[in-house]
Amino acid sequence: MRTYLEFEKPIAELEGRIEDLRQMEGEGGVTVNEEIEKLQAKADQLLSDTYAKLTRWQKTQVARHAGRPHFSDYVRLLVEDFTPLAGDRSFGEDQAIMGGPARLRGRSIMLIGHEKGADTASRVRHNFGMARPEGYRKAIRLMEMAERFGLPVVTLVDTPGAYPGRGAEERGQAEAIATCTEKCLSLGVPIVSVIVGEGGSGGAVALAAANKVLMLEHSIYSVISPEGCASILWKDAAGKGESKAPDAAEAMKVSAEDLLSLGVIDGVIAEPVGGAHRDIGLTIERLGDSVEAAIHELEHMSPEQVRAHRRAKFLNIGRVGLA
C-alpha cells in the first residue's frame, strides 16, 4: 500500500478513485476502461506538476519518505558479491553503517553506507541510520582496507545525523566523526559519495568528504535539520504553534539544486516522477550509471592526484561566482 505525503493528498484521491474503478471493472458487465484512462492521465499530470515545483520543505519530506530505497536495496539491485564486514575492532558492531567489498558492473569497489531500516524492527536495529562511534570507526577500517587493495570507495549517505546519546559521547563520537572525515580526505583511492535521502550534519559529512559528491534529486544535505535550525533560531518547539521548520528549510537551501549551484556537490541524479519510492529499480539504475561514470573519471589518477583533486574540490567551495 502506497504511503502519501501531506502535499500529495489530491494525487492520493485520484489514485484511490482509479483503484476503486479497477476493482469494479468486470463486475456485472461494467466497463470502466475509458474512465480509468482519463483519471490516470489526470493523476499522472498532477503528479508531474506537483513534483516540478516542490518547496524545500516538501523535498525534505520526500527525502525522509519511508519507501525510498535503503542501503539493503542498493546491495540487492546495484552490486554483486557484496560481503558485509562487521565491527570496528575496538568496541563493537554498529548496524547504522553497513559496508564491505562488492562488484559494481564488473568493477571491484568498497561499498559503505547508512541503513535506516524498512520496518519498525529493522529501524530499531539500525538505530534509524544514526551511527555511533563504532560505526564511523568501522567505516575507517573499511576505507583503509580499500586503500590497501586499490579499491574505489562508494558511500551512500542517508542519516538525520550521528547518534547524540550519552554512550556515544562517552565513546568519543566527535573524535570518531572527525577522524572518519580526515580518513576520507587523505585516502589515495577515489571516493564517490551519493546523498540518497537525508544528509544530516557531521554524521553525513564523515562519509561524504569525497572526490565526487552526488545527490538524488529529492534528497537534502545540510549542517542541521530544518527542525533543529528552527529550534535554535526561533525557539521553535514541536507541537507549540506553527512550525518554523519550512522557513528554516527555505533559508538553509537544503535541496540538490541549491547545493549544485553553490558548488557543494558535483551532480544531481534525476529521480522518477513522484520520487525514488515510486520506482526503486529505475532510481538505482540511474544512480549506478552516475557512480560508474564518476569512478571512470577518477580511476586513472595516481594516489597523489586523487588527494590533490579532493583537496582542490573542498578548497573551492564558496568561491563559486567569484572573479
C-alpha atoms as a PDB file:
ATOM      1  CA  MET A   1       0.000   0.000   0.000  1.00  0.00           C
ATOM      2  CA  ARG A   2       1.455   3.351  -1.071  1.00  0.00           C
ATOM      3  CA  THR A   3       2.157   5.975   1.581  1.00  0.00           C
ATOM      4  CA  TYR A   4       1.277   9.537   0.603  1.00  0.00           C
ATOM      5  CA  LEU A   5       2.753  12.730   1.980  1.00  0.00           C
ATOM      6  CA  GLU A   6       0.595  15.639   3.136  1.00  0.00           C
ATOM      7  CA  PHE A   7       1.030  17.636  -0.067  1.00  0.00           C
ATOM      8  CA  GLU A   8       0.142  14.571  -2.163  1.00  0.00           C
ATOM      9  CA  LYS A   9      -3.473  14.363  -0.928  1.00  0.00           C
ATOM     10  CA  PRO A  10      -5.037  15.409  -4.279  1.00  0.00           C
ATOM     11  CA  ILE A  11      -2.939  12.745  -6.011  1.00  0.00           C
ATOM     12  CA  ALA A  12      -3.968  10.175  -3.413  1.00  0.00           C
ATOM     13  CA  GLU A  13      -7.644  10.933  -4.013  1.00  0.00           C
ATOM     14  CA  LEU A  14      -7.318  10.463  -7.778  1.00  0.00           C
ATOM     15  CA  GLU A  15      -5.304   7.263  -7.484  1.00  0.00           C
ATOM     16  CA  GLY A  16      -7.788   5.982  -4.909  1.00  0.00           C
ATOM     17  CA  ARG A  17     -10.643   6.509  -7.357  1.00  0.00           C
ATOM     18  CA  ILE A  18      -8.675   4.704 -10.055  1.00  0.00           C
ATOM     19  CA  GLU A  19      -8.129   1.734  -7.763  1.00  0.00           C
ATOM     20  CA  ASP A  20     -11.849   1.630  -6.894  1.00  0.00           C
ATOM     21  CA  LEU A  21     -12.759   1.613 -10.584  1.00  0.00           C
ATOM     22  CA  ARG A  22     -10.289  -1.193 -11.287  1.00  0.00           C
ATOM     23  CA  GLN A  23     -11.928  -3.303  -8.607  1.00  0.00           C
ATOM     24  CA  MET A  24     -15.342  -2.604 -10.134  1.00  0.00           C
ATOM     25  CA  GLU A  25     -14.167  -3.500 -13.630  1.00  0.00           C
ATOM     26  CA  GLY A  26     -15.823  -6.653 -14.923  1.00  0.00           C
ATOM     27  CA  GLU A  27     -18.421  -6.816 -12.157  1.00  0.00           C
ATOM     28  CA  GLY A  28     -21.876  -7.114 -13.712  1.00  0.00           C
ATOM     29  CA  GLY A  29     -20.533  -6.345 -17.147  1.00  0.00           C
ATOM     30  CA  VAL A  30     -19.341  -2.890 -16.115  1.00  0.00           C
ATOM     31  CA  THR A  31     -16.671  -1.433 -18.416  1.00  0.00           C
ATOM     32  CA  VAL A  32     -14.694   1.457 -16.991  1.00  0.00           C
ATOM     33  CA  ASN A  33     -11.516   1.375 -19.077  1.00  0.00           C
ATOM     34  CA  GLU A  34     -12.139   4.753 -20.642  1.00  0.00           C
ATOM     35  CA  GLU A  35     -12.814   6.410 -17.292  1.00  0.00           C
ATOM     36  CA  ILE A  36      -9.702   4.792 -15.788  1.00  0.00           C
ATOM     37  CA  GLU A  37      -7.553   6.084 -18.654  1.00  0.00           C
ATOM     38  CA  LYS A  38      -8.886   9.619 -18.208  1.00  0.00           C
ATOM     39  CA  LEU A  39      -8.297   9.596 -14.470  1.00  0.00           C
ATOM     40  CA  GLN A  40      -4.845   8.040 -14.879  1.00  0.00           C
ATOM     41  CA  ALA A  41      -3.814  10.757 -17.323  1.00  0.00           C
ATOM     42  CA  LYS A  42      -5.088  13.383 -14.901  1.00  0.00           C
ATOM     43  CA  ALA A  43      -3.256  11.779 -11.969  1.00  0.00           C
ATOM     44  CA  ASP A  44      -0.003  11.500 -13.943  1.00  0.00           C
ATOM     45  CA  GLN A  45      -0.200  15.156 -14.941  1.00  0.00           C
ATOM     46  CA  LEU A  46      -0.967  16.249 -11.382  1.00  0.00           C
ATOM     47  CA  LEU A  47       1.940  14.198 -10.067  1.00  0.00           C
ATOM     48  CA  SER A  48       4.299  15.727 -12.639  1.00  0.00           C
ATOM     49  CA  ASP A  49       3.094  19.280 -11.945  1.00  0.00           C
ATOM     50  CA  THR A  50       3.345  18.811  -8.168  1.00  0.00           C
ATOM     51  CA  TYR A  51       6.901  17.454  -8.229  1.00  0.00           C
ATOM     52  CA  ALA A  52       8.057  20.104 -10.687  1.00  0.00           C
ATOM     53  CA  LYS A  53       7.516  22.836  -8.087  1.00  0.00           C
ATOM     54  CA  LEU A  54       8.285  21.282  -4.710  1.00  0.00           C
ATOM     55  CA  THR A  55       9.310  23.629  -1.928  1.00  0.00           C
ATOM     56  CA  ARG A  56      12.450  22.851   0.019  1.00  0.00           C
ATOM     57  CA  TRP A  57      10.344  21.645   2.946  1.00  0.00           C
ATOM     58  CA  GLN A  58       8.387  19.322   0.665  1.00  0.00           C
ATOM     59  CA  LYS A  59      11.689  17.976  -0.669  1.00  0.00           C
ATOM     60  CA  THR A  60      12.696  17.341   2.939  1.00  0.00           C
ATOM     61  CA  GLN A  61       9.545  15.277   3.389  1.00  0.00           C
ATOM     62  CA  VAL A  62      10.275  13.303   0.205  1.00  0.00           C
ATOM     63  CA  ALA A  63      13.876  12.724   1.305  1.00  0.00           C
ATOM     64  CA  ARG A  64      12.543  11.167   4.519  1.00  0.00           C
ATOM     65  CA  HIS A  65       9.883   9.029   2.821  1.00  0.00           C
ATOM     66  CA  ALA A  66       9.952   5.545   4.343  1.00  0.00           C
ATOM     67  CA  GLY A  67       9.604   3.947   0.905  1.00  0.00           C
ATOM     68  CA  ARG A  68      12.790   5.414  -0.555  1.00  0.00           C
ATOM     69  CA  PRO A  69      15.449   2.827  -1.410  1.00  0.00           C
ATOM     70  CA  HIS A  70      17.604   1.822   1.537  1.00  0.00           C
ATOM     71  CA  PHE A  71      21.183   0.557   1.648  1.00  0.00           C
ATOM     72  CA  SER A  72      19.855  -3.007   1.522  1.00  0.00           C
ATOM     73  CA  ASP A  73      18.037  -2.192  -1.735  1.00  0.00           C
ATOM     74  CA  TYR A  74      21.242  -0.877  -3.307  1.00  0.00           C
ATOM     75  CA  VAL A  75      23.056  -4.020  -2.230  1.00  0.00           C
ATOM     76  CA  ARG A  76      20.314  -6.147  -3.785  1.00  0.00           C
ATOM     77  CA  LEU A  77      19.901  -4.259  -7.073  1.00  0.00           C
ATOM     78  CA  LEU A  78      23.127  -2.321  -7.691  1.00  0.00           C
ATOM     79  CA  VAL A  79      26.041  -4.601  -6.805  1.00  0.00           C
ATOM     80  CA  GLU A  80      27.044  -8.241  -6.840  1.00  0.00           C
ATOM     81  CA  ASP A  81      29.107 -10.372  -4.451  1.00  0.00           C
ATOM     82  CA  PHE A  82      28.643  -7.969  -1.537  1.00  0.00           C
ATOM     83  CA  THR A  83      30.403  -9.272   1.572  1.00  0.00           C
ATOM     84  CA  PRO A  84      29.284  -7.403   4.702  1.00  0.00           C
ATOM     85  CA  LEU A  85      32.042  -6.771   7.233  1.00  0.00           C
ATOM     86  CA  ALA A  86      31.259  -6.023  10.861  1.00  0.00           C
ATOM     87  CA  GLY A  87      32.891  -4.433  13.878  1.00  0.00           C
ATOM     88  CA  ASP A  88      35.363  -1.621  14.489  1.00  0.00           C
ATOM     89  CA  ARG A  89      37.964  -3.893  16.161  1.00  0.00           C
ATOM     90  CA  SER A  90      37.771  -1.640  19.184  1.00  0.00           C
ATOM     91  CA  PHE A  91      34.349  -1.697  20.832  1.00  0.00           C
ATOM     92  CA  GLY A  92      31.702  -3.464  18.775  1.00  0.00           C
ATOM     93  CA  GLU A  93      29.362  -3.506  15.810  1.00  0.00           C
ATOM     94  CA  ASP A  94      27.101  -0.649  14.707  1.00  0.00           C
ATOM     95  CA  GLN A  95      24.425  -1.540  12.171  1.00  0.00           C
ATOM     96  CA  ALA A  96      23.587   2.076  11.343  1.00  0.00           C
ATOM     97  CA  ILE A  97      26.565   1.944   8.959  1.00  0.00           C
ATOM     98  CA  MET A  98      26.965  -1.106   6.751  1.00  0.00           C
ATOM     99  CA  GLY A  99      29.795  -1.909   4.380  1.00  0.00           C
ATOM    100  CA  GLY A 100      32.010  -4.364   2.604  1.00  0.00           C
ATOM    101  CA  PRO A 101      33.626  -5.210  -0.734  1.00  0.00           C
ATOM    102  CA  ALA A 102      31.362  -5.706  -3.740  1.00  0.00           C
ATOM    103  CA  ARG A 103      31.338  -5.651  -7.519  1.00  0.00           C
ATOM    104  CA  LEU A 104      29.690  -2.782  -9.377  1.00  0.00           C
ATOM    105  CA  ARG A 105      29.109  -3.736 -13.018  1.00  0.00           C
ATOM    106  CA  GLY A 106      32.257  -5.827 -13.066  1.00  0.00           C
ATOM    107  CA  ARG A 107      34.415  -3.403 -11.081  1.00  0.00           C
ATOM    108  CA  SER A 108      35.541  -4.194  -7.524  1.00  0.00           C
ATOM    109  CA  ILE A 109      34.627  -1.476  -5.012  1.00  0.00           C
ATOM    110  CA  MET A 110      34.257  -0.908  -1.291  1.00  0.00           C
ATOM    111  CA  LEU A 111      30.610  -0.038  -0.587  1.00  0.00           C
ATOM    112  CA  ILE A 112      29.757   1.788   2.658  1.00  0.00           C
ATOM    113  CA  GLY A 113      26.526   3.437   3.667  1.00  0.00           C
ATOM    114  CA  HIS A 114      23.894   4.298   6.235  1.00  0.00           C
ATOM    115  CA  GLU A 115      20.960   1.955   6.725  1.00  0.00           C
ATOM    116  CA  LYS A 116      17.796   3.339   8.334  1.00  0.00           C
ATOM    117  CA  GLY A 117      15.733   0.161   8.220  1.00  0.00           C
ATOM    118  CA  ALA A 118      12.469  -0.533   6.420  1.00  0.00           C
ATOM    119  CA  ASP A 119      10.106  -1.517   9.253  1.00  0.00           C
ATOM    120  CA  THR A 120       9.854  -0.973  13.000  1.00  0.00           C
ATOM    121  CA  ALA A 121      12.110  -3.867  13.985  1.00  0.00           C
ATOM    122  CA  SER A 122      14.826  -3.073  11.442  1.00  0.00           C
ATOM    123  CA  ARG A 123      14.690   0.657  12.202  1.00  0.00           C
ATOM    124  CA  VAL A 124      15.383  -0.053  15.846  1.00  0.00           C
ATOM    125  CA  ARG A 125      18.162  -2.491  14.909  1.00  0.00           C
ATOM    126  CA  HIS A 126      19.808   0.068  12.609  1.00  0.00           C
ATOM    127  CA  ASN A 127      19.079   2.951  15.014  1.00  0.00           C
ATOM    128  CA  PHE A 128      17.277   4.867  12.243  1.00  0.00           C
ATOM    129  CA  GLY A 129      20.570   5.387  10.422  1.00  0.00           C
ATOM    130  CA  MET A 130      22.120   7.352  13.305  1.00  0.00           C
ATOM    131  CA  ALA A 131      25.602   5.927  13.751  1.00  0.00           C
ATOM    132  CA  ARG A 132      27.561   5.614  16.962  1.00  0.00           C
ATOM    133  CA  PRO A 133      31.371   5.996  17.144  1.00  0.00           C
ATOM    134  CA  GLU A 134      31.935   2.337  16.317  1.00  0.00           C
ATOM    135  CA  GLY A 135      30.055   2.826  13.042  1.00  0.00           C
ATOM    136  CA  TYR A 136      32.447   5.544  11.921  1.00  0.00           C
ATOM    137  CA  ARG A 137      35.447   3.551  13.142  1.00  0.00           C
ATOM    138  CA  LYS A 138      34.195   0.591  11.130  1.00  0.00           C
ATOM    139  CA  ALA A 139      33.967   2.879   8.079  1.00  0.00           C
ATOM    140  CA  ILE A 140      37.577   3.970   8.686  1.00  0.00           C
ATOM    141  CA  ARG A 141      38.652   0.331   8.843  1.00  0.00           C
ATOM    142  CA  LEU A 142      36.910  -0.437   5.541  1.00  0.00           C
ATOM    143  CA  MET A 143      38.411   2.627   3.839  1.00  0.00           C
ATOM    144  CA  GLU A 144      41.882   1.586   4.939  1.00  0.00           C
ATOM    145  CA  MET A 145      41.209  -1.880   3.542  1.00  0.00           C
ATOM    146  CA  ALA A 146      40.041  -0.344   0.257  1.00  0.00           C
ATOM    147  CA  GLU A 147      43.226   1.715   0.010  1.00  0.00           C
ATOM    148  CA  ARG A 148      45.351  -1.341   0.725  1.00  0.00           C
ATOM    149  CA  PHE A 149      43.757  -3.243  -2.150  1.00  0.00           C
ATOM    150  CA  GLY A 150      43.341  -0.277  -4.508  1.00  0.00           C
ATOM    151  CA  LEU A 151      39.526  -0.310  -4.467  1.00  0.00           C
ATOM    152  CA  PRO A 152      37.494   2.844  -5.139  1.00  0.00           C
ATOM    153  CA  VAL A 153      35.145   3.674  -2.265  1.00  0.00           C
ATOM    154  CA  VAL A 154      31.440   4.321  -2.857  1.00  0.00           C
ATOM    155  CA  THR A 155      29.418   5.725   0.054  1.00  0.00           C
ATOM    156  CA  LEU A 156      25.627   6.067   0.259  1.00  0.00           C
ATOM    157  CA  VAL A 157      24.585   8.710   2.767  1.00  0.00           C
ATOM    158  CA  ASP A 158      21.166   8.667   4.433  1.00  0.00           C
ATOM    159  CA  THR A 159      21.122   9.851   8.032  1.00  0.00           C
ATOM    160  CA  PRO A 160      19.453  12.579  10.078  1.00  0.00           C
ATOM    161  CA  GLY A 161      22.793  12.864  11.880  1.00  0.00           C
ATOM    162  CA  ALA A 162      25.114  10.931  14.157  1.00  0.00           C
ATOM    163  CA  TYR A 163      23.581   9.463  17.309  1.00  0.00           C
ATOM    164  CA  PRO A 164      23.754  12.046  20.143  1.00  0.00           C
ATOM    165  CA  GLY A 165      23.231   9.639  23.053  1.00  0.00           C
ATOM    166  CA  ARG A 166      25.286   9.573  26.213  1.00  0.00           C
ATOM    167  CA  GLY A 167      27.046   6.300  25.400  1.00  0.00           C
ATOM    168  CA  ALA A 168      28.104   7.596  22.000  1.00  0.00           C
ATOM    169  CA  GLU A 169      29.502  10.758  23.550  1.00  0.00           C
ATOM    170  CA  GLU A 170      31.349   8.748  26.199  1.00  0.00           C
ATOM    171  CA  ARG A 171      32.981   6.640  23.477  1.00  0.00           C
ATOM    172  CA  GLY A 172      34.215   9.674  21.536  1.00  0.00           C
ATOM    173  CA  GLN A 173      31.549  10.498  18.959  1.00  0.00           C
ATOM    174  CA  ALA A 174      33.085  13.817  17.881  1.00  0.00           C
ATOM    175  CA  GLU A 175      36.564  12.312  17.560  1.00  0.00           C
ATOM    176  CA  ALA A 176      35.250   9.375  15.530  1.00  0.00           C
ATOM    177  CA  ILE A 177      33.410  11.675  13.104  1.00  0.00           C
ATOM    178  CA  ALA A 178      36.436  13.953  12.733  1.00  0.00           C
ATOM    179  CA  THR A 179      38.799  11.027  12.175  1.00  0.00           C
ATOM    180  CA  CYS A 180      36.455   9.454   9.612  1.00  0.00           C
ATOM    181  CA  THR A 181      36.265  12.768   7.738  1.00  0.00           C
ATOM    182  CA  GLU A 182      40.061  13.030   7.845  1.00  0.00           C
ATOM    183  CA  LYS A 183      40.360   9.491   6.524  1.00  0.00           C
ATOM    184  CA  CYS A 184      38.107  10.335   3.580  1.00  0.00           C
ATOM    185  CA  LEU A 185      40.229  13.364   2.750  1.00  0.00           C
ATOM    186  CA  SER A 186      43.539  11.516   2.992  1.00  0.00           C
ATOM    187  CA  LEU A 187      42.732   8.319   1.060  1.00  0.00           C
ATOM    188  CA  GLY A 188      44.785   7.589  -2.035  1.00  0.00           C
ATOM    189  CA  VAL A 189      41.872   5.881  -3.821  1.00  0.00           C
ATOM    190  CA  PRO A 190      38.869   7.641  -5.380  1.00  0.00           C
ATOM    191  CA  ILE A 191      35.789   8.203  -3.242  1.00  0.00           C
ATOM    192  CA  VAL A 192      32.336   8.776  -4.751  1.00  0.00           C
ATOM    193  CA  SER A 193      29.537   9.703  -2.352  1.00  0.00           C
ATOM    194  CA  VAL A 194      25.823   9.899  -3.060  1.00  0.00           C
ATOM    195  CA  ILE A 195      23.312  11.569  -0.755  1.00  0.00           C
ATOM    196  CA  VAL A 196      20.358   9.250  -1.274  1.00  0.00           C
ATOM    197  CA  GLY A 197      17.964  10.615   1.371  1.00  0.00           C
ATOM    198  CA  GLU A 198      18.919  12.803   4.294  1.00  0.00           C
ATOM    199  CA  GLY A 199      22.431  14.142   4.573  1.00  0.00           C
ATOM    200  CA  GLY A 200      22.463  15.466   8.107  1.00  0.00           C
ATOM    201  CA  SER A 201      25.317  17.270   9.824  1.00  0.00           C
ATOM    202  CA  GLY A 202      28.737  15.761  10.552  1.00  0.00           C
ATOM    203  CA  GLY A 203      27.192  12.317  10.559  1.00  0.00           C
ATOM    204  CA  ALA A 204      26.784  12.717   6.800  1.00  0.00           C
ATOM    205  CA  VAL A 205      29.988  14.635   6.074  1.00  0.00           C
ATOM    206  CA  ALA A 206      32.034  11.858   7.677  1.00  0.00           C
ATOM    207  CA  LEU A 207      31.130   9.636   4.713  1.00  0.00           C
ATOM    208  CA  ALA A 208      30.844  12.388   2.098  1.00  0.00           C
ATOM    209  CA  ALA A 209      34.251  14.114   2.050  1.00  0.00           C
ATOM    210  CA  ALA A 210      34.708  12.651  -1.409  1.00  0.00           C
ATOM    211  CA  ASN A 211      36.193  13.378  -4.827  1.00  0.00           C
ATOM    212  CA  LYS A 212      32.692  13.377  -6.288  1.00  0.00           C
ATOM    213  CA  VAL A 213      29.597  14.154  -4.236  1.00  0.00           C
ATOM    214  CA  LEU A 214      26.277  13.468  -5.962  1.00  0.00           C
ATOM    215  CA  MET A 215      22.703  13.816  -4.750  1.00  0.00           C
ATOM    216  CA  LEU A 216      19.459  12.199  -5.722  1.00  0.00           C
ATOM    217  CA  GLU A 217      17.105  14.890  -6.986  1.00  0.00           C
ATOM    218  CA  HIS A 218      14.822  14.972  -3.938  1.00  0.00           C
ATOM    219  CA  SER A 219      17.421  14.356  -1.233  1.00  0.00           C
ATOM    220  CA  ILE A 220      18.650  17.034   1.180  1.00  0.00           C
ATOM    221  CA  TYR A 221      22.067  17.904   2.625  1.00  0.00           C
ATOM    222  CA  SER A 222      22.626  20.351   5.465  1.00  0.00           C
ATOM    223  CA  VAL A 223      24.603  21.126   8.601  1.00  0.00           C
ATOM    224  CA  ILE A 224      21.485  20.637  10.747  1.00  0.00           C
ATOM    225  CA  SER A 225      17.909  19.515  10.243  1.00  0.00           C
ATOM    226  CA  PRO A 226      15.323  22.224   9.458  1.00  0.00           C
ATOM    227  CA  GLU A 227      13.641  21.421  12.789  1.00  0.00           C
ATOM    228  CA  GLY A 228      16.938  21.810  14.638  1.00  0.00           C
ATOM    229  CA  CYS A 229      17.646  25.106  12.909  1.00  0.00           C
ATOM    230  CA  ALA A 230      14.142  26.389  13.733  1.00  0.00           C
ATOM    231  CA  SER A 231      14.604  25.375  17.357  1.00  0.00           C
ATOM    232  CA  ILE A 232      17.844  27.368  17.634  1.00  0.00           C
ATOM    233  CA  LEU A 233      16.862  30.480  15.671  1.00  0.00           C
ATOM    234  CA  TRP A 234      13.194  30.826  16.592  1.00  0.00           C
ATOM    235  CA  LYS A 235      12.977  28.762  19.791  1.00  0.00           C
ATOM    236  CA  ASP A 236      10.516  26.665  17.800  1.00  0.00           C
ATOM    237  CA  ALA A 237       9.208  23.741  19.854  1.00  0.00           C
ATOM    238  CA  ALA A 238       7.399  20.834  18.208  1.00  0.00           C
ATOM    239  CA  GLY A 239       3.676  20.918  18.833  1.00  0.00           C
ATOM    240  CA  LYS A 240       3.659  24.529  20.090  1.00  0.00           C
ATOM    241  CA  GLY A 241       2.227  26.850  17.475  1.00  0.00           C
ATOM    242  CA  GLU A 242       3.054  26.918  13.786  1.00  0.00           C
ATOM    243  CA  SER A 243       6.336  25.221  12.953  1.00  0.00           C
ATOM    244  CA  LYS A 244       9.168  27.324  11.578  1.00  0.00           C
ATOM    245  CA  ALA A 245      10.872  24.262  10.038  1.00  0.00           C
ATOM    246  CA  PRO A 246       9.591  25.061   6.495  1.00  0.00           C
ATOM    247  CA  ASP A 247      11.044  28.579   6.821  1.00  0.00           C
ATOM    248  CA  ALA A 248      14.321  27.105   8.019  1.00  0.00           C
ATOM    249  CA  ALA A 249      14.469  24.710   5.073  1.00  0.00           C
ATOM    250  CA  GLU A 250      14.000  27.602   2.651  1.00  0.00           C
ATOM    251  CA  ALA A 251      16.664  29.718   4.360  1.00  0.00           C
ATOM    252  CA  MET A 252      19.181  26.872   4.584  1.00  0.00           C
ATOM    253  CA  LYS A 253      18.945  25.955   0.874  1.00  0.00           C
ATOM    254  CA  VAL A 254      18.992  22.229   1.537  1.00  0.00           C
ATOM    255  CA  SER A 255      17.995  20.974  -1.929  1.00  0.00           C
ATOM    256  CA  ALA A 256      20.216  19.336  -4.521  1.00  0.00           C
ATOM    257  CA  GLU A 257      19.684  22.222  -6.949  1.00  0.00           C
ATOM    258  CA  ASP A 258      20.783  24.749  -4.304  1.00  0.00           C
ATOM    259  CA  LEU A 259      23.908  22.814  -3.392  1.00  0.00           C
ATOM    260  CA  LEU A 260      24.881  22.254  -7.025  1.00  0.00           C
ATOM    261  CA  SER A 261      24.640  25.993  -7.707  1.00  0.00           C
ATOM    262  CA  LEU A 262      26.797  26.685  -4.633  1.00  0.00           C
ATOM    263  CA  GLY A 263      29.459  24.190  -5.718  1.00  0.00           C
ATOM    264  CA  VAL A 264      28.990  21.965  -2.666  1.00  0.00           C
ATOM    265  CA  ILE A 265      28.071  18.943  -4.774  1.00  0.00           C
ATOM    266  CA  ASP A 266      29.120  17.837  -8.254  1.00  0.00           C
ATOM    267  CA  GLY A 267      25.945  16.459  -9.779  1.00  0.00           C
ATOM    268  CA  VAL A 268      22.243  15.698  -9.373  1.00  0.00           C
ATOM    269  CA  ILE A 269      20.747  12.307 -10.243  1.00  0.00           C
ATOM    270  CA  ALA A 270      17.207  12.610 -11.611  1.00  0.00           C
ATOM    271  CA  GLU A 271      14.530  10.645  -9.771  1.00  0.00           C
ATOM    272  CA  PRO A 272      11.422   9.129 -11.363  1.00  0.00           C
ATOM    273  CA  VAL A 273       8.394  11.440 -11.393  1.00  0.00           C
ATOM    274  CA  GLY A 274       6.924  11.284  -7.899  1.00  0.00           C
ATOM    275  CA  GLY A 275      10.198  10.448  -6.182  1.00  0.00           C
ATOM    276  CA  ALA A 276      12.554   7.497  -5.808  1.00  0.00           C
ATOM    277  CA  HIS A 277       9.976   5.493  -3.842  1.00  0.00           C
ATOM    278  CA  ARG A 278       7.711   5.245  -6.912  1.00  0.00           C
ATOM    279  CA  ASP A 279      10.292   3.342  -8.961  1.00  0.00           C
ATOM    280  CA  ILE A 280      13.148   1.977  -6.880  1.00  0.00           C
ATOM    281  CA  GLY A 281      14.625  -0.057  -9.739  1.00  0.00           C
ATOM    282  CA  LEU A 282      14.900   2.940 -12.096  1.00  0.00           C
ATOM    283  CA  THR A 283      16.341   5.111  -9.324  1.00  0.00           C
ATOM    284  CA  ILE A 284      19.059   2.589  -8.532  1.00  0.00           C
ATOM    285  CA  GLU A 285      19.868   2.100 -12.216  1.00  0.00           C
ATOM    286  CA  ARG A 286      20.352   5.843 -12.686  1.00  0.00           C
ATOM    287  CA  LEU A 287      22.467   6.052  -9.548  1.00  0.00           C
ATOM    288  CA  GLY A 288      24.612   3.191 -10.827  1.00  0.00           C
ATOM    289  CA  ASP A 289      25.158   4.988 -14.139  1.00  0.00           C
ATOM    290  CA  SER A 290      26.283   8.163 -12.364  1.00  0.00           C
ATOM    291  CA  VAL A 291      28.578   6.366  -9.917  1.00  0.00           C
ATOM    292  CA  GLU A 292      30.119   4.300 -12.704  1.00  0.00           C
ATOM    293  CA  ALA A 293      30.819   7.462 -14.739  1.00  0.00           C
ATOM    294  CA  ALA A 294      32.379   9.195 -11.722  1.00  0.00           C
ATOM    295  CA  ILE A 295      34.663   6.256 -10.952  1.00  0.00           C
ATOM    296  CA  HIS A 296      35.697   6.048 -14.613  1.00  0.00           C
ATOM    297  CA  GLU A 297      36.692   9.726 -14.490  1.00  0.00           C
ATOM    298  CA  LEU A 298      38.864   9.206 -11.412  1.00  0.00           C
ATOM    299  CA  GLU A 299      40.270   5.693 -11.706  1.00  0.00           C
ATOM    300  CA  HIS A 300      43.309   6.591 -13.815  1.00  0.00           C
ATOM    301  CA  MET A 301      44.613   9.123 -11.272  1.00  0.00           C
ATOM    302  CA  SER A 302      47.603   8.347  -9.065  1.00  0.00           C
ATOM    303  CA  PRO A 303      47.118   8.456  -5.276  1.00  0.00           C
ATOM    304  CA  GLU A 304      48.744  11.902  -5.197  1.00  0.00           C
ATOM    305  CA  GLN A 305      46.431  13.161  -7.945  1.00  0.00           C
ATOM    306  CA  VAL A 306      43.376  11.729  -6.166  1.00  0.00           C
ATOM    307  CA  ARG A 307      44.274  13.560  -2.958  1.00  0.00           C
ATOM    308  CA  ALA A 308      45.028  16.804  -4.832  1.00  0.00           C
ATOM    309  CA  HIS A 309      41.708  16.549  -6.697  1.00  0.00           C
ATOM    310  CA  ARG A 310      39.805  16.113  -3.433  1.00  0.00           C
ATOM    311  CA  ARG A 311      41.688  18.930  -1.729  1.00  0.00           C
ATOM    312  CA  ALA A 312      41.012  21.340  -4.588  1.00  0.00           C
ATOM    313  CA  LYS A 313      37.334  20.433  -4.585  1.00  0.00           C
ATOM    314  CA  PHE A 314      36.805  21.355  -0.946  1.00  0.00           C
ATOM    315  CA  LEU A 315      39.015  24.457  -1.024  1.00  0.00           C
ATOM    316  CA  ASN A 316      36.933  25.770  -3.935  1.00  0.00           C
ATOM    317  CA  ILE A 317      33.621  25.516  -2.095  1.00  0.00           C
ATOM    318  CA  GLY A 318      32.360  29.050  -1.508  1.00  0.00           C
ATOM    319  CA  ARG A 319      34.293  30.519  -4.415  1.00  0.00           C
ATOM    320  CA  VAL A 320      31.532  29.905  -6.978  1.00  0.00           C
ATOM    321  CA  GLY A 321      30.802  33.036  -8.970  1.00  0.00           C
ATOM    322  CA  LEU A 322      33.839  34.925  -7.644  1.00  0.00           C
ATOM    323  CA  ALA A 323      36.128  36.624 -10.145  1.00  0.00           C
END
